[in-house]
Structure formats: structure tokens, C-alpha cells
């Protein structure tokens, strides 16, 4: 798994964030043999189910010191790229 967030003041580049999110999704994926790309679907391609998706959300919140992801937003997240974009958006809001 990835290293825990150093602190809330850590500055990540967009590429760093995308790579950390990609690694985290791959590490927690029920079907980790699938090649991950931005358009890889979490449920259909990687075999995620609701509990596993919650685990990813909690891991992202911990890793990047994010506020909890609301249910409405979570329902719109269907691909690896969606997750990466959401984390980048949440980090930008914190800045």
C-alpha cells in the first residue's frame, strides 16, 4: 500500500496524486490483474462492490487528509480517472 500522508500541508503534483490514487485503487481492487487506465471502470473492470468502494474512499480520505466524500458525489465516480479528478479537485479546494 502507499505511504500515509506526511501532513495536511504536503504539496503533491498532479502526477503524484494520480499515481498514488492509481496505486491505491490497484492495491485494493478485487480483480487486480486488470491494467489500469483513466477509463478503467471500478465495478465492471476491477470487480469493486459497495464495501470495497467504501474502503477506497476511506483510504483516499486518510491518504490525502480529505473530508468525507458525500454519497451523491460517490455515485458519479465510475472510473479510475473520476477518482483521480475528484481527489485533485478536493485538494485544490483545501488550498
PDB file of N, CA and C in Angstrom:
ATOM      1  N   UNK A   1       0.840  -1.169   0.000  1.00  0.00           N
ATOM      2  CA  UNK A   1       0.000   0.000   0.000  1.00  0.00           C
ATOM      3  C   UNK A   1       0.887   1.234   0.000  1.00  0.00           C
ATOM      4  N   UNK A   2       0.309   2.380  -0.194  1.00  0.00           N
ATOM      5  CA  UNK A   2       1.076   3.618  -0.267  1.00  0.00           C
ATOM      6  C   UNK A   2       1.448   4.097   1.123  1.00  0.00           C
ATOM      7  N   UNK A   3       2.411   5.000   1.176  1.00  0.00           N
ATOM      8  CA  UNK A   3       2.811   5.606   2.434  1.00  0.00           C
ATOM      9  C   UNK A   3       1.709   6.541   2.915  1.00  0.00           C
ATOM     10  N   UNK A   4       1.506   6.658   4.241  1.00  0.00           N
ATOM     11  CA  UNK A   4       0.494   7.586   4.729  1.00  0.00           C
ATOM     12  C   UNK A   4       0.881   9.028   4.436  1.00  0.00           C
ATOM     13  N   UNK A   5      -0.112   9.877   4.396  1.00  0.00           N
ATOM     14  CA  UNK A   5       0.123  11.299   4.139  1.00  0.00           C
ATOM     15  C   UNK A   5       1.042  11.862   5.218  1.00  0.00           C
ATOM     16  N   UNK A   6       2.042  12.613   4.797  1.00  0.00           N
ATOM     17  CA  UNK A   6       3.008  13.180   5.742  1.00  0.00           C
ATOM     18  C   UNK A   6       2.342  14.210   6.635  1.00  0.00           C
ATOM     19  N   UNK A   7       1.551  15.076   6.050  1.00  0.00           N
ATOM     20  CA  UNK A   7       0.812  16.072   6.829  1.00  0.00           C
ATOM     21  C   UNK A   7      -0.179  16.750   5.905  1.00  0.00           C
ATOM     22  N   UNK A   8      -1.044  17.528   6.495  1.00  0.00           N
ATOM     23  CA  UNK A   8      -2.051  18.224   5.697  1.00  0.00           C
ATOM     24  C   UNK A   8      -1.413  19.272   4.781  1.00  0.00           C
ATOM     25  N   UNK A   9      -0.172  19.658   5.084  1.00  0.00           N
ATOM     26  CA  UNK A   9       0.481  20.695   4.293  1.00  0.00           C
ATOM     27  C   UNK A   9       1.315  20.132   3.152  1.00  0.00           C
ATOM     28  N   UNK A  10       1.327  18.806   2.982  1.00  0.00           N
ATOM     29  CA  UNK A  10       2.089  18.194   1.913  1.00  0.00           C
ATOM     30  C   UNK A  10       1.623  18.729   0.569  1.00  0.00           C
ATOM     31  N   UNK A  11       2.576  19.081  -0.274  1.00  0.00           N
ATOM     32  CA  UNK A  11       2.256  19.558  -1.618  1.00  0.00           C
ATOM     33  C   UNK A  11       2.572  18.452  -2.612  1.00  0.00           C
ATOM     34  N   UNK A  12       1.554  17.988  -3.299  1.00  0.00           N
ATOM     35  CA  UNK A  12       1.724  16.969  -4.316  1.00  0.00           C
ATOM     36  C   UNK A  12       1.533  17.599  -5.683  1.00  0.00           C
ATOM     37  N   UNK A  13       2.258  17.084  -6.651  1.00  0.00           N
ATOM     38  CA  UNK A  13       1.985  17.482  -8.033  1.00  0.00           C
ATOM     39  C   UNK A  13       0.770  16.687  -8.504  1.00  0.00           C
ATOM     40  N   UNK A  14       0.147  17.125  -9.585  1.00  0.00           N
ATOM     41  CA  UNK A  14      -0.982  16.379 -10.135  1.00  0.00           C
ATOM     42  C   UNK A  14      -0.570  14.954 -10.482  1.00  0.00           C
ATOM     43  N   UNK A  15       0.626  14.809 -11.045  1.00  0.00           N
ATOM     44  CA  UNK A  15       1.111  13.474 -11.407  1.00  0.00           C
ATOM     45  C   UNK A  15       1.301  12.597 -10.173  1.00  0.00           C
ATOM     46  N   UNK A  16       1.820  13.181  -9.075  1.00  0.00           N
ATOM     47  CA  UNK A  16       1.980  12.431  -7.823  1.00  0.00           C
ATOM     48  C   UNK A  16       0.634  11.912  -7.342  1.00  0.00           C
ATOM     49  N   UNK A  17      -0.359  12.804  -7.320  1.00  0.00           N
ATOM     50  CA  UNK A  17      -1.693  12.440  -6.843  1.00  0.00           C
ATOM     51  C   UNK A  17      -2.270  11.337  -7.723  1.00  0.00           C
ATOM     52  N   UNK A  18      -2.185  11.504  -9.025  1.00  0.00           N
ATOM     53  CA  UNK A  18      -2.730  10.493  -9.937  1.00  0.00           C
ATOM     54  C   UNK A  18      -2.065   9.137  -9.723  1.00  0.00           C
ATOM     55  N   UNK A  19      -0.754   9.129  -9.505  1.00  0.00           N
ATOM     56  CA  UNK A  19      -0.024   7.874  -9.296  1.00  0.00           C
ATOM     57  C   UNK A  19      -0.393   7.228  -7.960  1.00  0.00           C
ATOM     58  N   UNK A  20      -0.510   8.017  -6.909  1.00  0.00           N
ATOM     59  CA  UNK A  20      -0.888   7.487  -5.593  1.00  0.00           C
ATOM     60  C   UNK A  20      -2.291   6.891  -5.654  1.00  0.00           C
ATOM     61  N   UNK A  21      -3.225   7.603  -6.291  1.00  0.00           N
ATOM     62  CA  UNK A  21      -4.594   7.107  -6.422  1.00  0.00           C
ATOM     63  C   UNK A  21      -4.600   5.812  -7.230  1.00  0.00           C
ATOM     64  N   UNK A  22      -3.864   5.772  -8.313  1.00  0.00           N
ATOM     65  CA  UNK A  22      -3.780   4.580  -9.156  1.00  0.00           C
ATOM     66  C   UNK A  22      -3.255   3.388  -8.352  1.00  0.00           C
ATOM     67  N   UNK A  23      -2.207   3.606  -7.591  1.00  0.00           N
ATOM     68  CA  UNK A  23      -1.616   2.538  -6.774  1.00  0.00           C
ATOM     69  C   UNK A  23      -2.600   2.048  -5.727  1.00  0.00           C
ATOM     70  N   UNK A  24      -3.271   2.972  -5.074  1.00  0.00           N
ATOM     71  CA  UNK A  24      -4.234   2.613  -4.037  1.00  0.00           C
ATOM     72  C   UNK A  24      -5.389   1.797  -4.630  1.00  0.00           C
ATOM     73  N   UNK A  25      -5.915   2.238  -5.759  1.00  0.00           N
ATOM     74  CA  UNK A  25      -7.010   1.508  -6.410  1.00  0.00           C
ATOM     75  C   UNK A  25      -6.546   0.111  -6.810  1.00  0.00           C
ATOM     76  N   UNK A  26      -5.360   0.008  -7.360  1.00  0.00           N
ATOM     77  CA  UNK A  26      -4.819  -1.296  -7.779  1.00  0.00           C
ATOM     78  C   UNK A  26      -4.629  -2.215  -6.578  1.00  0.00           C
ATOM     79  N   UNK A  27      -4.071  -1.667  -5.473  1.00  0.00           N
ATOM     80  CA  UNK A  27      -3.824  -2.470  -4.275  1.00  0.00           C
ATOM     81  C   UNK A  27      -5.110  -3.017  -3.662  1.00  0.00           C
ATOM     82  N   UNK A  28      -6.192  -2.252  -3.745  1.00  0.00           N
ATOM     83  CA  UNK A  28      -7.446  -2.643  -3.111  1.00  0.00           C
ATOM     84  C   UNK A  28      -8.429  -3.327  -4.062  1.00  0.00           C
ATOM     85  N   UNK A  29      -8.101  -3.391  -5.343  1.00  0.00           N
ATOM     86  CA  UNK A  29      -9.026  -3.939  -6.344  1.00  0.00           C
ATOM     87  C   UNK A  29      -9.237  -5.437  -6.166  1.00  0.00           C
ATOM     88  N   UNK A  30     -10.502  -5.869  -6.191  1.00  0.00           N
ATOM     89  CA  UNK A  30     -10.788  -7.305  -6.143  1.00  0.00           C
ATOM     90  C   UNK A  30     -10.169  -8.056  -7.329  1.00  0.00           C
ATOM     91  N   UNK A  31     -10.117  -7.423  -8.500  1.00  0.00           N
ATOM     92  CA  UNK A  31      -9.504  -8.017  -9.697  1.00  0.00           C
ATOM     93  C   UNK A  31      -8.309  -7.151 -10.078  1.00  0.00           C
ATOM     94  N   UNK A  32      -7.182  -7.379  -9.426  1.00  0.00           N
ATOM     95  CA  UNK A  32      -6.012  -6.517  -9.613  1.00  0.00           C
ATOM     96  C   UNK A  32      -5.185  -6.881 -10.846  1.00  0.00           C
ATOM     97  N   UNK A  33      -5.635  -7.867 -11.625  1.00  0.00           N
ATOM     98  CA  UNK A  33      -4.896  -8.248 -12.831  1.00  0.00           C
ATOM     99  C   UNK A  33      -5.195  -7.339 -14.014  1.00  0.00           C
ATOM    100  N   UNK A  34      -6.244  -6.529 -13.897  1.00  0.00           N
ATOM    101  CA  UNK A  34      -6.631  -5.629 -14.979  1.00  0.00           C
ATOM    102  C   UNK A  34      -5.666  -4.456 -15.063  1.00  0.00           C
ATOM    103  N   UNK A  35      -5.283  -4.104 -16.291  1.00  0.00           N
ATOM    104  CA  UNK A  35      -4.429  -2.930 -16.491  1.00  0.00           C
ATOM    105  C   UNK A  35      -5.263  -1.687 -16.198  1.00  0.00           C
ATOM    106  N   UNK A  36      -4.714  -0.792 -15.379  1.00  0.00           N
ATOM    107  CA  UNK A  36      -5.453   0.412 -15.003  1.00  0.00           C
ATOM    108  C   UNK A  36      -5.125   1.568 -15.925  1.00  0.00           C
ATOM    109  N   UNK A  37      -6.191   2.179 -16.425  1.00  0.00           N
ATOM    110  CA  UNK A  37      -6.105   3.402 -17.220  1.00  0.00           C
ATOM    111  C   UNK A  37      -7.185   4.332 -16.699  1.00  0.00           C
ATOM    112  N   UNK A  38      -7.185   5.572 -17.144  1.00  0.00           N
ATOM    113  CA  UNK A  38      -8.164   6.550 -16.659  1.00  0.00           C
ATOM    114  C   UNK A  38      -9.598   6.092 -16.914  1.00  0.00           C
ATOM    115  N   UNK A  39      -9.834   5.370 -18.010  1.00  0.00           N
ATOM    116  CA  UNK A  39     -11.205   4.959 -18.318  1.00  0.00           C
ATOM    117  C   UNK A  39     -11.558   3.560 -17.806  1.00  0.00           C
ATOM    118  N   UNK A  40     -10.686   2.963 -16.992  1.00  0.00           N
ATOM    119  CA  UNK A  40     -10.976   1.665 -16.399  1.00  0.00           C
ATOM    120  C   UNK A  40     -12.126   1.828 -15.411  1.00  0.00           C
ATOM    121  N   UNK A  41     -13.162   1.004 -15.576  1.00  0.00           N
ATOM    122  CA  UNK A  41     -14.349   1.088 -14.726  1.00  0.00           C
ATOM    123  C   UNK A  41     -14.118   0.329 -13.418  1.00  0.00           C
ATOM    124  N   UNK A  42     -14.470   0.977 -12.320  1.00  0.00           N
ATOM    125  CA  UNK A  42     -14.238   0.398 -10.997  1.00  0.00           C
ATOM    126  C   UNK A  42     -15.037  -0.887 -10.777  1.00  0.00           C
ATOM    127  N   UNK A  43     -16.316  -0.878 -11.130  1.00  0.00           N
ATOM    128  CA  UNK A  43     -17.174  -2.035 -10.878  1.00  0.00           C
ATOM    129  C   UNK A  43     -17.010  -3.084 -11.972  1.00  0.00           C
ATOM    130  N   UNK A  44     -17.231  -2.698 -13.219  1.00  0.00           N
ATOM    131  CA  UNK A  44     -17.229  -3.653 -14.316  1.00  0.00           C
ATOM    132  C   UNK A  44     -15.852  -4.254 -14.600  1.00  0.00           C
ATOM    133  N   UNK A  45     -14.804  -3.430 -14.584  1.00  0.00           N
ATOM    134  CA  UNK A  45     -13.466  -3.908 -14.950  1.00  0.00           C
ATOM    135  C   UNK A  45     -12.664  -4.440 -13.763  1.00  0.00           C
ATOM    136  N   UNK A  46     -12.814  -3.812 -12.605  1.00  0.00           N
ATOM    137  CA  UNK A  46     -11.984  -4.174 -11.455  1.00  0.00           C
ATOM    138  C   UNK A  46     -12.723  -4.987 -10.393  1.00  0.00           C
ATOM    139  N   UNK A  47     -14.025  -5.180 -10.579  1.00  0.00           N
ATOM    140  CA  UNK A  47     -14.780  -6.025  -9.669  1.00  0.00           C
ATOM    141  C   UNK A  47     -15.107  -5.400  -8.323  1.00  0.00           C
ATOM    142  N   UNK A  48     -15.021  -4.086  -8.232  1.00  0.00           N
ATOM    143  CA  UNK A  48     -15.362  -3.429  -6.964  1.00  0.00           C
ATOM    144  C   UNK A  48     -16.845  -3.601  -6.662  1.00  0.00           C
ATOM    145  N   UNK A  49     -17.161  -3.756  -5.372  1.00  0.00           N
ATOM    146  CA  UNK A  49     -18.540  -3.772  -4.890  1.00  0.00           C
ATOM    147  C   UNK A  49     -18.646  -2.662  -3.851  1.00  0.00           C
ATOM    148  N   UNK A  50     -19.815  -2.434  -3.312  1.00  0.00           N
ATOM    149  CA  UNK A  50     -20.040  -1.263  -2.456  1.00  0.00           C
ATOM    150  C   UNK A  50     -19.096  -1.195  -1.260  1.00  0.00           C
ATOM    151  N   UNK A  51     -18.852  -2.299  -0.596  1.00  0.00           N
ATOM    152  CA  UNK A  51     -17.966  -2.283   0.570  1.00  0.00           C
ATOM    153  C   UNK A  51     -16.528  -1.965   0.164  1.00  0.00           C
ATOM    154  N   UNK A  52     -16.075  -2.530  -0.937  1.00  0.00           N
ATOM    155  CA  UNK A  52     -14.717  -2.264  -1.421  1.00  0.00           C
ATOM    156  C   UNK A  52     -14.568  -0.811  -1.863  1.00  0.00           C
ATOM    157  N   UNK A  53     -15.630  -0.246  -2.451  1.00  0.00           N
ATOM    158  CA  UNK A  53     -15.585   1.163  -2.846  1.00  0.00           C
ATOM    159  C   UNK A  53     -15.500   2.069  -1.616  1.00  0.00           C
ATOM    160  N   UNK A  54     -16.200   1.693  -0.555  1.00  0.00           N
ATOM    161  CA  UNK A  54     -16.114   2.466   0.692  1.00  0.00           C
ATOM    162  C   UNK A  54     -14.698   2.408   1.263  1.00  0.00           C
ATOM    163  N   UNK A  55     -14.077   1.251   1.153  1.00  0.00           N
ATOM    164  CA  UNK A  55     -12.703   1.093   1.632  1.00  0.00           C
ATOM    165  C   UNK A  55     -11.753   2.019   0.863  1.00  0.00           C
ATOM    166  N   UNK A  56     -11.956   2.130  -0.444  1.00  0.00           N
ATOM    167  CA  UNK A  56     -11.142   3.036  -1.257  1.00  0.00           C
ATOM    168  C   UNK A  56     -11.383   4.479  -0.815  1.00  0.00           C
ATOM    169  N   UNK A  57     -12.642   4.839  -0.613  1.00  0.00           N
ATOM    170  CA  UNK A  57     -12.963   6.209  -0.183  1.00  0.00           C
ATOM    171  C   UNK A  57     -12.282   6.531   1.141  1.00  0.00           C
ATOM    172  N   UNK A  58     -12.354   5.616   2.102  1.00  0.00           N
ATOM    173  CA  UNK A  58     -11.717   5.847   3.403  1.00  0.00           C
ATOM    174  C   UNK A  58     -10.202   5.956   3.256  1.00  0.00           C
ATOM    175  N   UNK A  59      -9.630   5.112   2.412  1.00  0.00           N
ATOM    176  CA  UNK A  59      -8.174   5.147   2.207  1.00  0.00           C
ATOM    177  C   UNK A  59      -7.751   6.473   1.578  1.00  0.00           C
ATOM    178  N   UNK A  60      -8.535   6.967   0.627  1.00  0.00           N
ATOM    179  CA  UNK A  60      -8.225   8.251  -0.002  1.00  0.00           C
ATOM    180  C   UNK A  60      -8.352   9.396   0.997  1.00  0.00           C
ATOM    181  N   UNK A  61      -9.402   9.341   1.807  1.00  0.00           N
ATOM    182  CA  UNK A  61      -9.590  10.380   2.826  1.00  0.00           C
ATOM    183  C   UNK A  61      -8.398  10.406   3.781  1.00  0.00           C
ATOM    184  N   UNK A  62      -7.933   9.233   4.185  1.00  0.00           N
ATOM    185  CA  UNK A  62      -6.778   9.152   5.085  1.00  0.00           C
ATOM    186  C   UNK A  62      -5.489   9.598   4.400  1.00  0.00           C
ATOM    187  N   UNK A  63      -5.278   9.112   3.193  1.00  0.00           N
ATOM    188  CA  UNK A  63      -4.039   9.392   2.466  1.00  0.00           C
ATOM    189  C   UNK A  63      -3.844  10.883   2.214  1.00  0.00           C
ATOM    190  N   UNK A  64      -4.930  11.554   1.821  1.00  0.00           N
ATOM    191  CA  UNK A  64      -4.829  12.955   1.419  1.00  0.00           C
ATOM    192  C   UNK A  64      -5.463  13.919   2.413  1.00  0.00           C
ATOM    193  N   UNK A  65      -5.870  13.409   3.570  1.00  0.00           N
ATOM    194  CA  UNK A  65      -6.499  14.230   4.606  1.00  0.00           C
ATOM    195  C   UNK A  65      -7.710  14.979   4.033  1.00  0.00           C
ATOM    196  N   UNK A  66      -8.595  14.232   3.376  1.00  0.00           N
ATOM    197  CA  UNK A  66      -9.770  14.805   2.730  1.00  0.00           C
ATOM    198  C   UNK A  66     -10.992  14.702   3.634  1.00  0.00           C
ATOM    199  N   UNK A  67     -11.943  15.592   3.403  1.00  0.00           N
ATOM    200  CA  UNK A  67     -13.248  15.489   4.048  1.00  0.00           C
ATOM    201  C   UNK A  67     -13.954  14.261   3.453  1.00  0.00           C
ATOM    202  N   UNK A  68     -14.878  13.669   4.196  1.00  0.00           N
ATOM    203  CA  UNK A  68     -15.611  12.517   3.650  1.00  0.00           C
ATOM    204  C   UNK A  68     -16.311  12.861   2.332  1.00  0.00           C
ATOM    205  N   UNK A  69     -16.348  11.888   1.457  1.00  0.00           N
ATOM    206  CA  UNK A  69     -16.975  12.052   0.153  1.00  0.00           C
ATOM    207  C   UNK A  69     -18.475  11.792   0.325  1.00  0.00           C
ATOM    208  N   UNK A  70     -19.299  12.742  -0.103  1.00  0.00           N
ATOM    209  CA  UNK A  70     -20.745  12.575   0.064  1.00  0.00           C
ATOM    210  C   UNK A  70     -21.280  11.530  -0.916  1.00  0.00           C
ATOM    211  N   UNK A  71     -22.427  10.972  -0.570  1.00  0.00           N
ATOM    212  CA  UNK A  71     -22.997   9.873  -1.345  1.00  0.00           C
ATOM    213  C   UNK A  71     -23.321  10.274  -2.782  1.00  0.00           C
ATOM    214  N   UNK A  72     -23.838  11.468  -2.974  1.00  0.00           N
ATOM    215  CA  UNK A  72     -24.185  11.926  -4.325  1.00  0.00           C
ATOM    216  C   UNK A  72     -22.946  11.974  -5.217  1.00  0.00           C
ATOM    217  N   UNK A  73     -21.841  12.500  -4.687  1.00  0.00           N
ATOM    218  CA  UNK A  73     -20.591  12.557  -5.439  1.00  0.00           C
ATOM    219  C   UNK A  73     -20.064  11.148  -5.695  1.00  0.00           C
ATOM    220  N   UNK A  74     -20.123  10.308  -4.680  1.00  0.00           N
ATOM    221  CA  UNK A  74     -19.607   8.944  -4.803  1.00  0.00           C
ATOM    222  C   UNK A  74     -20.310   8.169  -5.913  1.00  0.00           C
ATOM    223  N   UNK A  75     -21.603   8.391  -6.079  1.00  0.00           N
ATOM    224  CA  UNK A  75     -22.364   7.676  -7.113  1.00  0.00           C
ATOM    225  C   UNK A  75     -21.922   8.052  -8.530  1.00  0.00           C
ATOM    226  N   UNK A  76     -21.321   9.226  -8.693  1.00  0.00           N
ATOM    227  CA  UNK A  76     -20.885   9.691 -10.006  1.00  0.00           C
ATOM    228  C   UNK A  76     -19.492   9.178 -10.370  1.00  0.00           C
ATOM    229  N   UNK A  77     -18.815   8.576  -9.425  1.00  0.00           N
ATOM    230  CA  UNK A  77     -17.450   8.104  -9.640  1.00  0.00           C
ATOM    231  C   UNK A  77     -17.496   6.672 -10.156  1.00  0.00           C
ATOM    232  N   UNK A  78     -17.193   6.505 -11.422  1.00  0.00           N
ATOM    233  CA  UNK A  78     -17.293   5.174 -12.017  1.00  0.00           C
ATOM    234  C   UNK A  78     -15.981   4.668 -12.605  1.00  0.00           C
ATOM    235  N   UNK A  79     -15.011   5.563 -12.798  1.00  0.00           N
ATOM    236  CA  UNK A  79     -13.744   5.162 -13.417  1.00  0.00           C
ATOM    237  C   UNK A  79     -12.553   5.602 -12.560  1.00  0.00           C
ATOM    238  N   UNK A  80     -11.416   5.038 -12.873  1.00  0.00           N
ATOM    239  CA  UNK A  80     -10.172   5.427 -12.203  1.00  0.00           C
ATOM    240  C   UNK A  80      -9.925   6.926 -12.389  1.00  0.00           C
ATOM    241  N   UNK A  81     -10.133   7.429 -13.592  1.00  0.00           N
ATOM    242  CA  UNK A  81      -9.940   8.854 -13.869  1.00  0.00           C
ATOM    243  C   UNK A  81     -10.861   9.732 -13.041  1.00  0.00           C
ATOM    244  N   UNK A  82     -12.115   9.278 -12.835  1.00  0.00           N
ATOM    245  CA  UNK A  82     -13.045  10.031 -11.984  1.00  0.00           C
ATOM    246  C   UNK A  82     -12.496  10.168 -10.572  1.00  0.00           C
ATOM    247  N   UNK A  83     -11.930   9.094 -10.058  1.00  0.00           N
ATOM    248  CA  UNK A  83     -11.366   9.119  -8.699  1.00  0.00           C
ATOM    249  C   UNK A  83     -10.190  10.088  -8.652  1.00  0.00           C
ATOM    250  N   UNK A  84      -9.300   9.986  -9.623  1.00  0.00           N
ATOM    251  CA  UNK A  84      -8.143  10.881  -9.665  1.00  0.00           C
ATOM    252  C   UNK A  84      -8.579  12.344  -9.734  1.00  0.00           C
ATOM    253  N   UNK A  85      -9.542  12.628 -10.596  1.00  0.00           N
ATOM    254  CA  UNK A  85     -10.030  14.003 -10.750  1.00  0.00           C
ATOM    255  C   UNK A  85     -10.666  14.515  -9.462  1.00  0.00           C
ATOM    256  N   UNK A  86     -11.430  13.665  -8.783  1.00  0.00           N
ATOM    257  CA  UNK A  86     -12.082  14.073  -7.541  1.00  0.00           C
ATOM    258  C   UNK A  86     -11.050  14.417  -6.470  1.00  0.00           C
ATOM    259  N   UNK A  87     -10.038  13.587  -6.339  1.00  0.00           N
ATOM    260  CA  UNK A  87      -9.005  13.857  -5.332  1.00  0.00           C
ATOM    261  C   UNK A  87      -8.293  15.170  -5.652  1.00  0.00           C
ATOM    262  N   UNK A  88      -7.955  15.379  -6.908  1.00  0.00           N
ATOM    263  CA  UNK A  88      -7.314  16.647  -7.299  1.00  0.00           C
ATOM    264  C   UNK A  88      -8.220  17.835  -7.002  1.00  0.00           C
ATOM    265  N   UNK A  89      -9.509  17.697  -7.282  1.00  0.00           N
ATOM    266  CA  UNK A  89     -10.468  18.772  -7.012  1.00  0.00           C
ATOM    267  C   UNK A  89     -10.555  19.063  -5.510  1.00  0.00           C
ATOM    268  N   UNK A  90     -10.634  18.008  -4.708  1.00  0.00           N
ATOM    269  CA  UNK A  90     -10.726  18.172  -3.246  1.00  0.00           C
ATOM    270  C   UNK A  90      -9.461  18.816  -2.687  1.00  0.00           C
ATOM    271  N   UNK A  91      -8.310  18.443  -3.217  1.00  0.00           N
ATOM    272  CA  UNK A  91      -7.046  19.034  -2.760  1.00  0.00           C
ATOM    273  C   UNK A  91      -6.972  20.512  -3.142  1.00  0.00           C
ATOM    274  N   UNK A  92      -7.451  20.842  -4.327  1.00  0.00           N
ATOM    275  CA  UNK A  92      -7.459  22.234  -4.777  1.00  0.00           C
ATOM    276  C   UNK A  92      -8.375  23.091  -3.880  1.00  0.00           C
ATOM    277  N   UNK A  93      -9.498  22.505  -3.450  1.00  0.00           N
ATOM    278  CA  UNK A  93     -10.408  23.208  -2.555  1.00  0.00           C
ATOM    279  C   UNK A  93      -9.762  23.496  -1.199  1.00  0.00           C
ATOM    280  N   UNK A  94      -8.866  22.613  -0.780  1.00  0.00           N
ATOM    281  CA  UNK A  94      -8.187  22.782   0.513  1.00  0.00           C
ATOM    282  C   UNK A  94      -7.118  23.873   0.477  1.00  0.00           C
ATOM    283  N   UNK A  95      -6.622  24.140  -0.719  1.00  0.00           N
ATOM    284  CA  UNK A  95      -5.521  25.105  -0.860  1.00  0.00           C
ATOM    285  C   UNK A  95      -5.957  26.529  -0.616  1.00  0.00           C
TER     286      UNK A  95
END
